[in-house]
Amino acid sequence: MERTIESIIPAETVVDDGDMRLLRALPRAQRVSVGPFVFIDHYRHQGRRGIGDRPHPHAGIEVVSYLLEGSAEHRDSMGFRDRLDAGDAQFIHAG
């Protein structure tokens, strides 16, 4: 099966504060979503601050995270923790 690329929409920088860098490909003005995806983000962070370190609701959405390099820890409001390392993927269904 061959497929043709219809368009390329570069990601925009949302946060770049020296510790965390967030690039967002979706949603964008040119394209609101693709299929079931609400956000497509690329994170890089250097410090121990963590990703999403402040309370933020995920109710009703599902999150797929994957790491190309480094490691990260996800925590939830119930105290559950999960560590991801390079090559790992995590699926979260938020109630």
N, C-alpha and C. Protein backbone atom coordinates (compact mmCIF):
# COMPACT_ATOMS: atom_id res chain seq x y z
N MET A 1 0.84 -1.18 0.00
CA MET A 1 0.00 0.00 0.00
C MET A 1 0.88 1.24 0.00
N GLU A 2 0.60 2.15 -0.87
CA GLU A 2 1.30 3.43 -0.91
C GLU A 2 0.38 4.54 -0.46
N ARG A 3 0.94 5.48 0.26
CA ARG A 3 0.18 6.64 0.71
C ARG A 3 0.94 7.90 0.34
N THR A 4 0.20 8.94 0.08
CA THR A 4 0.79 10.22 -0.28
C THR A 4 0.57 11.21 0.85
N ILE A 5 1.61 11.95 1.20
CA ILE A 5 1.48 12.99 2.21
C ILE A 5 0.66 14.12 1.61
N GLU A 6 -0.43 14.46 2.29
CA GLU A 6 -1.30 15.52 1.79
C GLU A 6 -0.84 16.91 2.20
N SER A 7 -0.34 17.02 3.42
CA SER A 7 0.14 18.32 3.88
C SER A 7 1.08 18.12 5.06
N ILE A 8 1.92 19.10 5.29
CA ILE A 8 2.82 19.11 6.44
C ILE A 8 2.53 20.38 7.21
N ILE A 9 2.17 20.21 8.47
CA ILE A 9 1.88 21.35 9.33
C ILE A 9 2.91 21.35 10.44
N PRO A 10 3.89 22.25 10.41
CA PRO A 10 4.93 22.27 11.44
C PRO A 10 4.34 22.57 12.82
N ALA A 11 4.96 22.00 13.84
CA ALA A 11 4.53 22.28 15.21
C ALA A 11 4.94 23.69 15.60
N GLU A 12 4.15 24.29 16.50
CA GLU A 12 4.45 25.62 17.03
C GLU A 12 4.99 25.49 18.44
N THR A 13 5.89 26.37 18.82
CA THR A 13 6.40 26.39 20.19
C THR A 13 5.34 27.00 21.10
N VAL A 14 4.96 26.25 22.14
CA VAL A 14 3.98 26.71 23.12
C VAL A 14 4.68 27.18 24.39
N VAL A 15 5.69 26.42 24.84
CA VAL A 15 6.49 26.77 26.02
C VAL A 15 7.94 26.53 25.68
N ASP A 16 8.80 27.50 26.01
CA ASP A 16 10.24 27.32 25.88
C ASP A 16 10.88 28.22 26.92
N ASP A 17 10.99 27.70 28.16
CA ASP A 17 11.45 28.53 29.26
C ASP A 17 12.82 28.11 29.80
N GLY A 18 13.57 27.34 29.02
CA GLY A 18 14.87 26.90 29.46
C GLY A 18 14.85 25.58 30.19
N ASP A 19 13.74 25.26 30.84
CA ASP A 19 13.59 23.99 31.55
C ASP A 19 12.71 23.05 30.74
N MET A 20 11.61 23.57 30.22
CA MET A 20 10.67 22.76 29.46
C MET A 20 10.46 23.37 28.08
N ARG A 21 10.39 22.51 27.09
CA ARG A 21 10.05 22.94 25.73
C ARG A 21 8.89 22.09 25.25
N LEU A 22 7.83 22.75 24.83
CA LEU A 22 6.63 22.07 24.33
C LEU A 22 6.34 22.57 22.93
N LEU A 23 6.33 21.65 21.99
CA LEU A 23 5.93 21.94 20.61
C LEU A 23 4.57 21.29 20.39
N ARG A 24 3.64 22.00 19.77
CA ARG A 24 2.29 21.48 19.54
C ARG A 24 2.00 21.43 18.04
N ALA A 25 1.67 20.24 17.57
CA ALA A 25 1.29 20.06 16.17
C ALA A 25 -0.23 20.14 16.00
N LEU A 26 -0.98 19.67 16.96
CA LEU A 26 -2.44 19.77 16.95
C LEU A 26 -2.92 20.18 18.33
N PRO A 27 -3.94 20.98 18.46
CA PRO A 27 -4.67 21.65 17.39
C PRO A 27 -3.92 22.88 16.89
N ARG A 28 -4.19 23.25 15.69
CA ARG A 28 -3.61 24.43 15.04
C ARG A 28 -4.72 25.13 14.27
N ALA A 29 -4.48 26.36 13.91
CA ALA A 29 -5.48 27.11 13.14
C ALA A 29 -5.75 26.41 11.80
N GLN A 30 -4.70 25.80 11.23
CA GLN A 30 -4.85 25.15 9.93
C GLN A 30 -5.60 23.81 10.03
N ARG A 31 -5.55 23.19 11.20
CA ARG A 31 -6.18 21.87 11.35
C ARG A 31 -6.55 21.69 12.82
N VAL A 32 -7.83 21.50 13.09
CA VAL A 32 -8.30 21.37 14.46
C VAL A 32 -7.94 20.01 15.03
N SER A 33 -8.16 18.93 14.29
CA SER A 33 -7.84 17.59 14.78
C SER A 33 -7.67 16.64 13.61
N VAL A 34 -7.10 15.50 13.91
CA VAL A 34 -6.96 14.43 12.92
C VAL A 34 -7.54 13.19 13.57
N GLY A 35 -8.66 12.71 13.05
CA GLY A 35 -9.27 11.51 13.62
C GLY A 35 -9.56 11.70 15.10
N PRO A 36 -9.12 10.76 15.92
CA PRO A 36 -9.44 10.83 17.35
C PRO A 36 -8.51 11.71 18.16
N PHE A 37 -7.49 12.30 17.55
CA PHE A 37 -6.48 13.03 18.30
C PHE A 37 -6.92 14.45 18.61
N VAL A 38 -6.81 14.83 19.88
CA VAL A 38 -7.14 16.18 20.30
C VAL A 38 -5.88 17.04 20.32
N PHE A 39 -4.79 16.49 20.89
CA PHE A 39 -3.51 17.17 20.94
C PHE A 39 -2.42 16.23 20.44
N ILE A 40 -1.48 16.76 19.73
CA ILE A 40 -0.24 16.05 19.44
C ILE A 40 0.87 17.01 19.85
N ASP A 41 1.57 16.64 20.94
CA ASP A 41 2.59 17.49 21.53
C ASP A 41 3.92 16.77 21.57
N HIS A 42 5.00 17.55 21.59
CA HIS A 42 6.35 17.04 21.79
C HIS A 42 6.94 17.80 22.96
N TYR A 43 7.28 17.07 24.04
CA TYR A 43 7.86 17.69 25.24
C TYR A 43 9.33 17.38 25.34
N ARG A 44 10.07 18.31 25.87
CA ARG A 44 11.44 18.10 26.34
C ARG A 44 11.57 18.90 27.62
N HIS A 45 12.08 18.27 28.65
CA HIS A 45 12.34 19.03 29.87
C HIS A 45 13.64 18.57 30.48
N GLN A 46 14.32 19.51 31.13
CA GLN A 46 15.65 19.28 31.67
C GLN A 46 15.64 19.08 33.18
N GLY A 47 14.75 19.75 33.87
CA GLY A 47 14.79 19.76 35.33
C GLY A 47 13.92 18.70 35.96
N ARG A 48 13.75 18.83 37.25
CA ARG A 48 12.95 17.90 38.01
C ARG A 48 11.52 18.42 38.19
N ARG A 49 11.20 19.53 37.57
CA ARG A 49 9.87 20.12 37.70
C ARG A 49 8.81 19.15 37.25
N GLY A 50 9.09 18.39 36.20
CA GLY A 50 8.12 17.43 35.70
C GLY A 50 7.20 18.01 34.67
N ILE A 51 6.52 17.15 33.99
CA ILE A 51 5.56 17.54 32.96
C ILE A 51 4.19 17.59 33.61
N GLY A 52 3.49 18.70 33.45
CA GLY A 52 2.16 18.81 34.05
C GLY A 52 2.25 18.81 35.56
N ASP A 53 3.15 19.59 36.11
CA ASP A 53 3.40 19.56 37.54
C ASP A 53 2.29 20.20 38.36
N ARG A 54 1.45 20.98 37.75
CA ARG A 54 0.32 21.56 38.46
C ARG A 54 -0.94 20.74 38.18
N PRO A 55 -1.93 20.77 39.09
CA PRO A 55 -3.17 20.02 38.81
C PRO A 55 -3.79 20.47 37.49
N HIS A 56 -4.18 19.51 36.70
CA HIS A 56 -4.84 19.79 35.43
C HIS A 56 -5.76 18.62 35.10
N PRO A 57 -7.00 18.90 34.76
CA PRO A 57 -7.98 17.82 34.54
C PRO A 57 -7.77 17.11 33.21
N HIS A 58 -7.82 15.81 33.27
CA HIS A 58 -7.80 14.98 32.07
C HIS A 58 -9.12 14.22 31.93
N ALA A 59 -10.11 14.55 32.75
CA ALA A 59 -11.35 13.78 32.78
C ALA A 59 -11.95 13.60 31.39
N GLY A 60 -12.21 12.36 31.07
CA GLY A 60 -12.89 12.05 29.82
C GLY A 60 -11.99 11.91 28.62
N ILE A 61 -10.67 12.03 28.78
CA ILE A 61 -9.80 11.85 27.62
C ILE A 61 -8.83 10.71 27.88
N GLU A 62 -8.21 10.26 26.84
CA GLU A 62 -7.20 9.23 26.92
C GLU A 62 -5.88 9.79 26.43
N VAL A 63 -4.82 9.41 27.09
CA VAL A 63 -3.50 9.96 26.79
C VAL A 63 -2.55 8.82 26.44
N VAL A 64 -1.84 8.98 25.34
CA VAL A 64 -0.78 8.05 24.98
C VAL A 64 0.53 8.83 25.05
N SER A 65 1.46 8.35 25.86
CA SER A 65 2.77 8.98 25.99
C SER A 65 3.82 7.98 25.55
N TYR A 66 4.85 8.46 24.89
CA TYR A 66 5.99 7.59 24.57
C TYR A 66 7.25 8.41 24.68
N LEU A 67 8.32 7.75 25.09
CA LEU A 67 9.59 8.44 25.28
C LEU A 67 10.62 7.93 24.29
N LEU A 68 11.26 8.87 23.62
CA LEU A 68 12.34 8.52 22.70
C LEU A 68 13.66 8.44 23.45
N GLU A 69 13.82 9.29 24.46
CA GLU A 69 15.04 9.30 25.27
C GLU A 69 14.71 9.84 26.65
N GLY A 70 15.57 9.59 27.61
CA GLY A 70 15.37 10.10 28.96
C GLY A 70 14.34 9.30 29.73
N SER A 71 13.74 9.93 30.74
CA SER A 71 12.73 9.27 31.56
C SER A 71 11.77 10.32 32.10
N ALA A 72 10.62 9.87 32.57
CA ALA A 72 9.61 10.76 33.14
C ALA A 72 8.77 9.96 34.12
N GLU A 73 8.16 10.64 35.04
CA GLU A 73 7.25 10.00 35.98
C GLU A 73 5.90 10.69 35.91
N HIS A 74 4.84 9.90 35.74
CA HIS A 74 3.49 10.43 35.78
C HIS A 74 2.91 10.14 37.14
N ARG A 75 2.19 11.12 37.69
CA ARG A 75 1.52 10.98 38.98
C ARG A 75 0.07 11.39 38.81
N ASP A 76 -0.81 10.80 39.62
CA ASP A 76 -2.20 11.25 39.57
C ASP A 76 -2.66 11.69 40.96
N SER A 77 -3.88 12.18 41.04
CA SER A 77 -4.40 12.73 42.29
C SER A 77 -4.68 11.65 43.34
N MET A 78 -4.69 10.39 42.94
CA MET A 78 -4.90 9.29 43.88
C MET A 78 -3.58 8.75 44.43
N GLY A 79 -2.46 9.32 43.98
CA GLY A 79 -1.17 8.90 44.48
C GLY A 79 -0.48 7.83 43.65
N PHE A 80 -1.09 7.42 42.55
CA PHE A 80 -0.45 6.43 41.69
C PHE A 80 0.69 7.08 40.92
N ARG A 81 1.77 6.32 40.74
CA ARG A 81 2.94 6.80 40.01
C ARG A 81 3.34 5.76 38.99
N ASP A 82 3.86 6.22 37.87
CA ASP A 82 4.35 5.32 36.84
C ASP A 82 5.55 5.97 36.18
N ARG A 83 6.66 5.25 36.14
CA ARG A 83 7.89 5.77 35.54
C ARG A 83 8.02 5.24 34.12
N LEU A 84 8.37 6.12 33.21
CA LEU A 84 8.63 5.75 31.83
C LEU A 84 10.09 6.02 31.51
N ASP A 85 10.70 5.12 30.78
CA ASP A 85 12.07 5.28 30.33
C ASP A 85 12.11 5.25 28.81
N ALA A 86 13.26 5.55 28.23
CA ALA A 86 13.40 5.58 26.77
C ALA A 86 12.87 4.28 26.17
N GLY A 87 12.03 4.41 25.16
CA GLY A 87 11.43 3.26 24.50
C GLY A 87 10.12 2.81 25.09
N ASP A 88 9.73 3.35 26.25
CA ASP A 88 8.46 2.98 26.90
C ASP A 88 7.29 3.77 26.31
N ALA A 89 6.11 3.18 26.45
CA ALA A 89 4.87 3.85 26.08
C ALA A 89 3.88 3.66 27.23
N GLN A 90 2.97 4.59 27.39
CA GLN A 90 1.97 4.52 28.46
C GLN A 90 0.64 4.99 27.91
N PHE A 91 -0.42 4.26 28.25
CA PHE A 91 -1.78 4.62 27.87
C PHE A 91 -2.54 4.93 29.14
N ILE A 92 -3.17 6.10 29.20
CA ILE A 92 -3.94 6.51 30.38
C ILE A 92 -5.38 6.77 29.94
N HIS A 93 -6.31 6.16 30.63
CA HIS A 93 -7.74 6.48 30.45
C HIS A 93 -8.16 7.27 31.67
N ALA A 94 -8.41 8.55 31.50
CA ALA A 94 -8.75 9.41 32.62
C ALA A 94 -10.26 9.49 32.79
N GLY A 95 -10.72 9.18 33.98
CA GLY A 95 -12.15 9.14 34.25
C GLY A 95 -12.67 10.50 34.54
